[in-house]
Amino acid sequence: MPVSAQSAETLALQALTWLVGNEDLLPVFLGASGASEADLRESAGEPEFLGSVLDFLMMDDAWVIGFCDAQGIAYEAPMQARMVLPGGAQVNWT
């Protein structure tokens, strides 16, 4: 079943909440993204920013597993959601 934009944003918000609650990983995300904690609050409703949250999460399988296990969702859910958000379309070079 295709993922809707609304459900993709909801999953990305869940990922952001999970990141904020992870005191070891949050500083890594802030450093990698250049965002401040204030930026997180201001940008949480922007689909582009939410896509970057999922991009970060998917950089490490352990992070995906930790998030998905905490949420009780399938491991492929973040990738499916990312594909729906702006900039997430898979590029086909052929």
PDB file of N, CA and C in Angstrom:
ATOM      1  N   MET A   1       0.834  -1.168   0.000  1.00  0.00           N
ATOM      2  CA  MET A   1       0.000   0.000   0.000  1.00  0.00           C
ATOM      3  C   MET A   1       0.889   1.244   0.000  1.00  0.00           C
ATOM      4  N   PRO A   2       0.616   2.202  -0.886  1.00  0.00           N
ATOM      5  CA  PRO A   2       1.430   3.420  -0.938  1.00  0.00           C
ATOM      6  C   PRO A   2       1.309   4.229   0.357  1.00  0.00           C
ATOM      7  N   VAL A   3       2.381   4.893   0.687  1.00  0.00           N
ATOM      8  CA  VAL A   3       2.430   5.734   1.876  1.00  0.00           C
ATOM      9  C   VAL A   3       1.933   7.122   1.485  1.00  0.00           C
ATOM     10  N   SER A   4       1.031   7.689   2.271  1.00  0.00           N
ATOM     11  CA  SER A   4       0.534   9.040   1.992  1.00  0.00           C
ATOM     12  C   SER A   4       1.530  10.069   2.529  1.00  0.00           C
ATOM     13  N   ALA A   5       1.431  11.279   2.014  1.00  0.00           N
ATOM     14  CA  ALA A   5       2.306  12.354   2.490  1.00  0.00           C
ATOM     15  C   ALA A   5       2.077  12.597   3.977  1.00  0.00           C
ATOM     16  N   GLN A   6       0.826  12.540   4.402  1.00  0.00           N
ATOM     17  CA  GLN A   6       0.523  12.775   5.812  1.00  0.00           C
ATOM     18  C   GLN A   6       1.130  11.697   6.708  1.00  0.00           C
ATOM     19  N   SER A   7       1.016  10.439   6.302  1.00  0.00           N
ATOM     20  CA  SER A   7       1.586   9.373   7.135  1.00  0.00           C
ATOM     21  C   SER A   7       3.113   9.418   7.106  1.00  0.00           C
ATOM     22  N   ALA A   8       3.695   9.852   5.986  1.00  0.00           N
ATOM     23  CA  ALA A   8       5.152   9.995   5.910  1.00  0.00           C
ATOM     24  C   ALA A   8       5.627  11.089   6.863  1.00  0.00           C
ATOM     25  N   GLU A   9       4.909  12.198   6.900  1.00  0.00           N
ATOM     26  CA  GLU A   9       5.266  13.281   7.812  1.00  0.00           C
ATOM     27  C   GLU A   9       5.101  12.838   9.265  1.00  0.00           C
ATOM     28  N   THR A  10       4.052  12.084   9.544  1.00  0.00           N
ATOM     29  CA  THR A  10       3.827  11.591  10.902  1.00  0.00           C
ATOM     30  C   THR A  10       4.967  10.684  11.335  1.00  0.00           C
ATOM     31  N   LEU A  11       5.387   9.771  10.452  1.00  0.00           N
ATOM     32  CA  LEU A  11       6.491   8.875  10.791  1.00  0.00           C
ATOM     33  C   LEU A  11       7.773   9.671  11.004  1.00  0.00           C
ATOM     34  N   ALA A  12       8.020  10.675  10.169  1.00  0.00           N
ATOM     35  CA  ALA A  12       9.225  11.494  10.322  1.00  0.00           C
ATOM     36  C   ALA A  12       9.182  12.284  11.629  1.00  0.00           C
ATOM     37  N   LEU A  13       8.007  12.755  12.021  1.00  0.00           N
ATOM     38  CA  LEU A  13       7.875  13.432  13.317  1.00  0.00           C
ATOM     39  C   LEU A  13       8.154  12.470  14.463  1.00  0.00           C
ATOM     40  N   GLN A  14       7.723  11.225  14.318  1.00  0.00           N
ATOM     41  CA  GLN A  14       8.028  10.210  15.325  1.00  0.00           C
ATOM     42  C   GLN A  14       9.531   9.980  15.397  1.00  0.00           C
ATOM     43  N   ALA A  15      10.183   9.973  14.236  1.00  0.00           N
ATOM     44  CA  ALA A  15      11.637   9.802  14.206  1.00  0.00           C
ATOM     45  C   ALA A  15      12.328  10.982  14.878  1.00  0.00           C
ATOM     46  N   LEU A  16      11.839  12.189  14.621  1.00  0.00           N
ATOM     47  CA  LEU A  16      12.413  13.372  15.256  1.00  0.00           C
ATOM     48  C   LEU A  16      12.241  13.303  16.772  1.00  0.00           C
ATOM     49  N   THR A  17      11.075  12.898  17.217  1.00  0.00           N
ATOM     50  CA  THR A  17      10.818  12.750  18.654  1.00  0.00           C
ATOM     51  C   THR A  17      11.753  11.716  19.262  1.00  0.00           C
ATOM     52  N   TRP A  18      11.961  10.626  18.534  1.00  0.00           N
ATOM     53  CA  TRP A  18      12.873   9.576  18.998  1.00  0.00           C
ATOM     54  C   TRP A  18      14.300  10.123  19.098  1.00  0.00           C
ATOM     55  N   LEU A  19      14.715  10.887  18.086  1.00  0.00           N
ATOM     56  CA  LEU A  19      16.060  11.482  18.109  1.00  0.00           C
ATOM     57  C   LEU A  19      16.221  12.438  19.290  1.00  0.00           C
ATOM     58  N   VAL A  20      15.230  13.288  19.510  1.00  0.00           N
ATOM     59  CA  VAL A  20      15.301  14.259  20.595  1.00  0.00           C
ATOM     60  C   VAL A  20      15.398  13.546  21.948  1.00  0.00           C
ATOM     61  N   GLY A  21      14.753  12.406  22.065  1.00  0.00           N
ATOM     62  CA  GLY A  21      14.799  11.643  23.308  1.00  0.00           C
ATOM     63  C   GLY A  21      16.043  10.801  23.483  1.00  0.00           C
ATOM     64  N   ASN A  22      16.894  10.766  22.477  1.00  0.00           N
ATOM     65  CA  ASN A  22      18.111   9.961  22.521  1.00  0.00           C
ATOM     66  C   ASN A  22      19.295  10.892  22.799  1.00  0.00           C
ATOM     67  N   GLU A  23      19.711  10.947  24.055  1.00  0.00           N
ATOM     68  CA  GLU A  23      20.735  11.917  24.439  1.00  0.00           C
ATOM     69  C   GLU A  23      22.104  11.656  23.808  1.00  0.00           C
ATOM     70  N   ASP A  24      22.352  10.432  23.342  1.00  0.00           N
ATOM     71  CA  ASP A  24      23.615  10.149  22.656  1.00  0.00           C
ATOM     72  C   ASP A  24      23.560  10.535  21.185  1.00  0.00           C
ATOM     73  N   LEU A  25      22.419  10.341  20.562  1.00  0.00           N
ATOM     74  CA  LEU A  25      22.295  10.552  19.121  1.00  0.00           C
ATOM     75  C   LEU A  25      21.903  11.982  18.756  1.00  0.00           C
ATOM     76  N   LEU A  26      21.171  12.671  19.615  1.00  0.00           N
ATOM     77  CA  LEU A  26      20.740  14.035  19.296  1.00  0.00           C
ATOM     78  C   LEU A  26      21.916  14.957  18.980  1.00  0.00           C
ATOM     79  N   PRO A  27      22.990  14.961  19.779  1.00  0.00           N
ATOM     80  CA  PRO A  27      24.121  15.833  19.428  1.00  0.00           C
ATOM     81  C   PRO A  27      24.738  15.480  18.075  1.00  0.00           C
ATOM     82  N   VAL A  28      24.721  14.210  17.720  1.00  0.00           N
ATOM     83  CA  VAL A  28      25.255  13.799  16.419  1.00  0.00           C
ATOM     84  C   VAL A  28      24.384  14.387  15.305  1.00  0.00           C
ATOM     85  N   PHE A  29      23.065  14.300  15.468  1.00  0.00           N
ATOM     86  CA  PHE A  29      22.153  14.869  14.480  1.00  0.00           C
ATOM     87  C   PHE A  29      22.325  16.378  14.382  1.00  0.00           C
ATOM     88  N   LEU A  30      22.394  17.051  15.519  1.00  0.00           N
ATOM     89  CA  LEU A  30      22.563  18.507  15.498  1.00  0.00           C
ATOM     90  C   LEU A  30      23.871  18.893  14.822  1.00  0.00           C
ATOM     91  N   GLY A  31      24.929  18.164  15.109  1.00  0.00           N
ATOM     92  CA  GLY A  31      26.214  18.456  14.477  1.00  0.00           C
ATOM     93  C   GLY A  31      26.206  18.182  12.984  1.00  0.00           C
ATOM     94  N   ALA A  32      25.581  17.083  12.583  1.00  0.00           N
ATOM     95  CA  ALA A  32      25.549  16.716  11.167  1.00  0.00           C
ATOM     96  C   ALA A  32      24.656  17.647  10.366  1.00  0.00           C
ATOM     97  N   SER A  33      23.572  18.101  10.977  1.00  0.00           N
ATOM     98  CA  SER A  33      22.614  18.931  10.241  1.00  0.00           C
ATOM     99  C   SER A  33      22.919  20.423  10.358  1.00  0.00           C
ATOM    100  N   GLY A  34      23.669  20.789  11.376  1.00  0.00           N
ATOM    101  CA  GLY A  34      23.921  22.204  11.614  1.00  0.00           C
ATOM    102  C   GLY A  34      22.745  22.901  12.274  1.00  0.00           C
ATOM    103  N   ALA A  35      21.734  22.129  12.663  1.00  0.00           N
ATOM    104  CA  ALA A  35      20.538  22.691  13.292  1.00  0.00           C
ATOM    105  C   ALA A  35      20.765  22.870  14.789  1.00  0.00           C
ATOM    106  N   SER A  36      20.056  23.836  15.333  1.00  0.00           N
ATOM    107  CA  SER A  36      20.041  24.020  16.783  1.00  0.00           C
ATOM    108  C   SER A  36      18.747  23.421  17.322  1.00  0.00           C
ATOM    109  N   GLU A  37      18.635  23.342  18.631  1.00  0.00           N
ATOM    110  CA  GLU A  37      17.391  22.837  19.208  1.00  0.00           C
ATOM    111  C   GLU A  37      16.224  23.752  18.851  1.00  0.00           C
ATOM    112  N   ALA A  38      16.465  25.048  18.756  1.00  0.00           N
ATOM    113  CA  ALA A  38      15.411  25.988  18.340  1.00  0.00           C
ATOM    114  C   ALA A  38      14.996  25.709  16.898  1.00  0.00           C
ATOM    115  N   ASP A  39      15.979  25.385  16.053  1.00  0.00           N
ATOM    116  CA  ASP A  39      15.666  25.048  14.661  1.00  0.00           C
ATOM    117  C   ASP A  39      14.765  23.822  14.587  1.00  0.00           C
ATOM    118  N   LEU A  40      14.988  22.861  15.471  1.00  0.00           N
ATOM    119  CA  LEU A  40      14.155  21.662  15.481  1.00  0.00           C
ATOM    120  C   LEU A  40      12.699  22.028  15.720  1.00  0.00           C
ATOM    121  N   ARG A  41      12.471  22.891  16.688  1.00  0.00           N
ATOM    122  CA  ARG A  41      11.098  23.299  17.001  1.00  0.00           C
ATOM    123  C   ARG A  41      10.484  24.072  15.837  1.00  0.00           C
ATOM    124  N   GLU A  42      11.256  24.955  15.228  1.00  0.00           N
ATOM    125  CA  GLU A  42      10.747  25.798  14.145  1.00  0.00           C
ATOM    126  C   GLU A  42      10.507  25.013  12.860  1.00  0.00           C
ATOM    127  N   SER A  43      11.317  24.009  12.593  1.00  0.00           N
ATOM    128  CA  SER A  43      11.270  23.295  11.322  1.00  0.00           C
ATOM    129  C   SER A  43      10.510  21.980  11.366  1.00  0.00           C
ATOM    130  N   ALA A  44      10.025  21.592  12.520  1.00  0.00           N
ATOM    131  CA  ALA A  44       9.396  20.273  12.676  1.00  0.00           C
ATOM    132  C   ALA A  44       8.201  20.064  11.766  1.00  0.00           C
ATOM    133  N   GLY A  45       7.563  21.113  11.321  1.00  0.00           N
ATOM    134  CA  GLY A  45       6.404  20.969  10.446  1.00  0.00           C
ATOM    135  C   GLY A  45       6.723  21.056   8.967  1.00  0.00           C
ATOM    136  N   GLU A  46       7.992  21.221   8.613  1.00  0.00           N
ATOM    137  CA  GLU A  46       8.373  21.375   7.208  1.00  0.00           C
ATOM    138  C   GLU A  46       8.750  20.024   6.608  1.00  0.00           C
ATOM    139  N   PRO A  47       8.057  19.620   5.538  1.00  0.00           N
ATOM    140  CA  PRO A  47       8.331  18.309   4.933  1.00  0.00           C
ATOM    141  C   PRO A  47       9.793  18.127   4.506  1.00  0.00           C
ATOM    142  N   GLU A  48      10.438  19.186   4.049  1.00  0.00           N
ATOM    143  CA  GLU A  48      11.834  19.081   3.630  1.00  0.00           C
ATOM    144  C   GLU A  48      12.724  18.734   4.819  1.00  0.00           C
ATOM    145  N   PHE A  49      12.481  19.392   5.948  1.00  0.00           N
ATOM    146  CA  PHE A  49      13.264  19.117   7.151  1.00  0.00           C
ATOM    147  C   PHE A  49      13.003  17.700   7.646  1.00  0.00           C
ATOM    148  N   LEU A  50      11.735  17.298   7.614  1.00  0.00           N
ATOM    149  CA  LEU A  50      11.395  15.942   8.054  1.00  0.00           C
ATOM    150  C   LEU A  50      12.086  14.900   7.174  1.00  0.00           C
ATOM    151  N   GLY A  51      12.223  15.196   5.892  1.00  0.00           N
ATOM    152  CA  GLY A  51      12.972  14.301   5.009  1.00  0.00           C
ATOM    153  C   GLY A  51      14.419  14.190   5.444  1.00  0.00           C
ATOM    154  N   SER A  52      15.002  15.306   5.879  1.00  0.00           N
ATOM    155  CA  SER A  52      16.402  15.269   6.333  1.00  0.00           C
ATOM    156  C   SER A  52      16.544  14.462   7.620  1.00  0.00           C
ATOM    157  N   VAL A  53      15.508  14.469   8.451  1.00  0.00           N
ATOM    158  CA  VAL A  53      15.529  13.644   9.665  1.00  0.00           C
ATOM    159  C   VAL A  53      15.604  12.169   9.278  1.00  0.00           C
ATOM    160  N   LEU A  54      14.778  11.787   8.307  1.00  0.00           N
ATOM    161  CA  LEU A  54      14.801  10.383   7.865  1.00  0.00           C
ATOM    162  C   LEU A  54      16.105  10.045   7.150  1.00  0.00           C
ATOM    163  N   ASP A  55      16.646  10.986   6.371  1.00  0.00           N
ATOM    164  CA  ASP A  55      17.945  10.760   5.732  1.00  0.00           C
ATOM    165  C   ASP A  55      19.000  10.457   6.788  1.00  0.00           C
ATOM    166  N   PHE A  56      19.020  11.244   7.853  1.00  0.00           N
ATOM    167  CA  PHE A  56      19.980  11.027   8.930  1.00  0.00           C
ATOM    168  C   PHE A  56      19.760   9.673   9.581  1.00  0.00           C
ATOM    169  N   LEU A  57      18.531   9.381   9.932  1.00  0.00           N
ATOM    170  CA  LEU A  57      18.218   8.116  10.601  1.00  0.00           C
ATOM    171  C   LEU A  57      18.709   6.930   9.783  1.00  0.00           C
ATOM    172  N   MET A  58      18.534   7.004   8.480  1.00  0.00           N
ATOM    173  CA  MET A  58      18.873   5.874   7.615  1.00  0.00           C
ATOM    174  C   MET A  58      20.363   5.761   7.320  1.00  0.00           C
ATOM    175  N   MET A  59      21.163   6.621   7.906  1.00  0.00           N
ATOM    176  CA  MET A  59      22.608   6.530   7.727  1.00  0.00           C
ATOM    177  C   MET A  59      23.206   5.329   8.453  1.00  0.00           C
ATOM    178  N   ASP A  60      22.491   4.798   9.430  1.00  0.00           N
ATOM    179  CA  ASP A  60      23.030   3.696  10.225  1.00  0.00           C
ATOM    180  C   ASP A  60      21.923   2.682  10.497  1.00  0.00           C
ATOM    181  N   ASP A  61      22.168   1.438  10.131  1.00  0.00           N
ATOM    182  CA  ASP A  61      21.168   0.394  10.342  1.00  0.00           C
ATOM    183  C   ASP A  61      20.767   0.267  11.804  1.00  0.00           C
ATOM    184  N   ALA A  62      21.712   0.463  12.711  1.00  0.00           N
ATOM    185  CA  ALA A  62      21.398   0.349  14.140  1.00  0.00           C
ATOM    186  C   ALA A  62      20.391   1.414  14.560  1.00  0.00           C
ATOM    187  N   TRP A  63      20.487   2.610  13.964  1.00  0.00           N
ATOM    188  CA  TRP A  63      19.539   3.675  14.289  1.00  0.00           C
ATOM    189  C   TRP A  63      18.149   3.328  13.763  1.00  0.00           C
ATOM    190  N   VAL A  64      18.108   2.802  12.547  1.00  0.00           N
ATOM    191  CA  VAL A  64      16.823   2.394  11.963  1.00  0.00           C
ATOM    192  C   VAL A  64      16.186   1.311  12.836  1.00  0.00           C
ATOM    193  N   ILE A  65      16.975   0.330  13.203  1.00  0.00           N
ATOM    194  CA  ILE A  65      16.461  -0.772  14.022  1.00  0.00           C
ATOM    195  C   ILE A  65      15.980  -0.246  15.375  1.00  0.00           C
ATOM    196  N   GLY A  66      16.758   0.614  16.004  1.00  0.00           N
ATOM    197  CA  GLY A  66      16.363   1.175  17.297  1.00  0.00           C
ATOM    198  C   GLY A  66      15.066   1.953  17.215  1.00  0.00           C
ATOM    199  N   PHE A  67      14.949   2.790  16.201  1.00  0.00           N
ATOM    200  CA  PHE A  67      13.729   3.587  16.022  1.00  0.00           C
ATOM    201  C   PHE A  67      12.537   2.687  15.717  1.00  0.00           C
ATOM    202  N   CYS A  68      12.698   1.792  14.757  1.00  0.00           N
ATOM    203  CA  CYS A  68      11.584   0.932  14.350  1.00  0.00           C
ATOM    204  C   CYS A  68      11.146   0.006  15.478  1.00  0.00           C
ATOM    205  N   ASP A  69      12.094  -0.528  16.210  1.00  0.00           N
ATOM    206  CA  ASP A  69      11.741  -1.379  17.350  1.00  0.00           C
ATOM    207  C   ASP A  69      10.988  -0.577  18.417  1.00  0.00           C
ATOM    208  N   ALA A  70      11.425   0.650  18.653  1.00  0.00           N
ATOM    209  CA  ALA A  70      10.759   1.492  19.654  1.00  0.00           C
ATOM    210  C   ALA A  70       9.333   1.844  19.234  1.00  0.00           C
ATOM    211  N   GLN A  71       9.124   1.983  17.924  1.00  0.00           N
ATOM    212  CA  GLN A  71       7.804   2.361  17.408  1.00  0.00           C
ATOM    213  C   GLN A  71       6.939   1.156  17.057  1.00  0.00           C
ATOM    214  N   GLY A  72       7.561  -0.022  17.000  1.00  0.00           N
ATOM    215  CA  GLY A  72       6.818  -1.218  16.607  1.00  0.00           C
ATOM    216  C   GLY A  72       6.419  -1.200  15.145  1.00  0.00           C
ATOM    217  N   ILE A  73       7.315  -0.690  14.292  1.00  0.00           N
ATOM    218  CA  ILE A  73       7.028  -0.609  12.859  1.00  0.00           C
ATOM    219  C   ILE A  73       8.065  -1.413  12.068  1.00  0.00           C
ATOM    220  N   ALA A  74       7.744  -1.685  10.821  1.00  0.00           N
ATOM    221  CA  ALA A  74       8.637  -2.442   9.945  1.00  0.00           C
ATOM    222  C   ALA A  74       9.900  -1.631   9.634  1.00  0.00           C
ATOM    223  N   TYR A  75      11.009  -2.334   9.459  1.00  0.00           N
ATOM    224  CA  TYR A  75      12.289  -1.671   9.200  1.00  0.00           C
ATOM    225  C   TYR A  75      12.305  -0.891   7.887  1.00  0.00           C
ATOM    226  N   GLU A  76      11.464  -1.245   6.962  1.00  0.00           N
ATOM    227  CA  GLU A  76      11.444  -0.524   5.693  1.00  0.00           C
ATOM    228  C   GLU A  76      10.563   0.725   5.734  1.00  0.00           C
ATOM    229  N   ALA A  77       9.843   0.942   6.809  1.00  0.00           N
ATOM    230  CA  ALA A  77       8.926   2.088   6.909  1.00  0.00           C
ATOM    231  C   ALA A  77       9.626   3.441   6.755  1.00  0.00           C
ATOM    232  N   PRO A  78      10.789   3.668   7.381  1.00  0.00           N
ATOM    233  CA  PRO A  78      11.438   4.972   7.174  1.00  0.00           C
ATOM    234  C   PRO A  78      11.796   5.235   5.705  1.00  0.00           C
ATOM    235  N   MET A  79      12.270   4.220   4.996  1.00  0.00           N
ATOM    236  CA  MET A  79      12.610   4.414   3.580  1.00  0.00           C
ATOM    237  C   MET A  79      11.353   4.685   2.756  1.00  0.00           C
ATOM    238  N   GLN A  80      10.291   3.970   3.047  1.00  0.00           N
ATOM    239  CA  GLN A  80       9.045   4.198   2.324  1.00  0.00           C
ATOM    240  C   GLN A  80       8.525   5.608   2.571  1.00  0.00           C
ATOM    241  N   ALA A  81       8.609   6.061   3.812  1.00  0.00           N
ATOM    242  CA  ALA A  81       8.173   7.417   4.130  1.00  0.00           C
ATOM    243  C   ALA A  81       9.082   8.439   3.456  1.00  0.00           C
ATOM    244  N   ARG A  82      10.380   8.187   3.463  1.00  0.00           N
ATOM    245  CA  ARG A  82      11.330   9.131   2.861  1.00  0.00           C
ATOM    246  C   ARG A  82      11.060   9.319   1.381  1.00  0.00           C
ATOM    247  N   MET A  83      10.663   8.275   0.712  1.00  0.00           N
ATOM    248  CA  MET A  83      10.410   8.354  -0.731  1.00  0.00           C
ATOM    249  C   MET A  83       9.235   9.271  -1.054  1.00  0.00           C
ATOM    250  N   VAL A  84       8.351   9.494  -0.101  1.00  0.00           N
ATOM    251  CA  VAL A  84       7.173  10.335  -0.315  1.00  0.00           C
ATOM    252  C   VAL A  84       7.465  11.806  -0.045  1.00  0.00           C
ATOM    253  N   LEU A  85       8.380  12.076   0.866  1.00  0.00           N
ATOM    254  CA  LEU A  85       8.686  13.454   1.234  1.00  0.00           C
ATOM    255  C   LEU A  85       9.543  14.130   0.164  1.00  0.00           C
ATOM    256  N   PRO A  86       9.536  15.473   0.110  1.00  0.00           N
ATOM    257  CA  PRO A  86      10.310  16.191  -0.911  1.00  0.00           C
ATOM    258  C   PRO A  86      11.775  15.759  -0.943  1.00  0.00           C
ATOM    259  N   GLY A  87      12.265  15.496  -2.145  1.00  0.00           N
ATOM    260  CA  GLY A  87      13.650  15.091  -2.339  1.00  0.00           C
ATOM    261  C   GLY A  87      13.903  13.610  -2.144  1.00  0.00           C
ATOM    262  N   GLY A  88      12.865  12.846  -1.896  1.00  0.00           N
ATOM    263  CA  GLY A  88      13.040  11.442  -1.580  1.00  0.00           C
ATOM    264  C   GLY A  88      12.829  10.482  -2.731  1.00  0.00           C
ATOM    265  N   ALA A  89      12.475  10.983  -3.895  1.00  0.00           N
ATOM    266  CA  ALA A  89      12.242  10.104  -5.035  1.00  0.00           C
ATOM    267  C   ALA A  89      13.535   9.395  -5.412  1.00  0.00           C
ATOM    268  N   GLN A  90      13.422   8.122  -5.714  1.00  0.00           N
ATOM    269  CA  GLN A  90      14.599   7.375  -6.138  1.00  0.00           C
ATOM    270  C   GLN A  90      14.987   7.822  -7.536  1.00  0.00           C
ATOM    271  N   VAL A  91      16.264   8.034  -7.700  1.00  0.00           N
ATOM    272  CA  VAL A  91      16.788   8.465  -8.993  1.00  0.00           C
ATOM    273  C   VAL A  91      17.178   7.249  -9.805  1.00  0.00           C
ATOM    274  N   ASN A  92      16.741   7.206 -11.025  1.00  0.00           N
ATOM    275  CA  ASN A  92      17.090   6.123 -11.935  1.00  0.00           C
ATOM    276  C   ASN A  92      18.004   6.704 -13.005  1.00  0.00           C
ATOM    277  N   TRP A  93      19.252   6.300 -13.009  1.00  0.00           N
ATOM    278  CA  TRP A  93      20.246   6.885 -13.907  1.00  0.00           C
ATOM    279  C   TRP A  93      20.295   6.228 -15.264  1.00  0.00           C
ATOM    280  N   THR A  94      19.447   5.236 -15.494  1.00  0.00           N
ATOM    281  CA  THR A  94      19.492   4.574 -16.803  1.00  0.00           C
ATOM    282  C   THR A  94      18.350   4.979 -17.682  1.00  0.00           C
TER     283      THR A  94
END
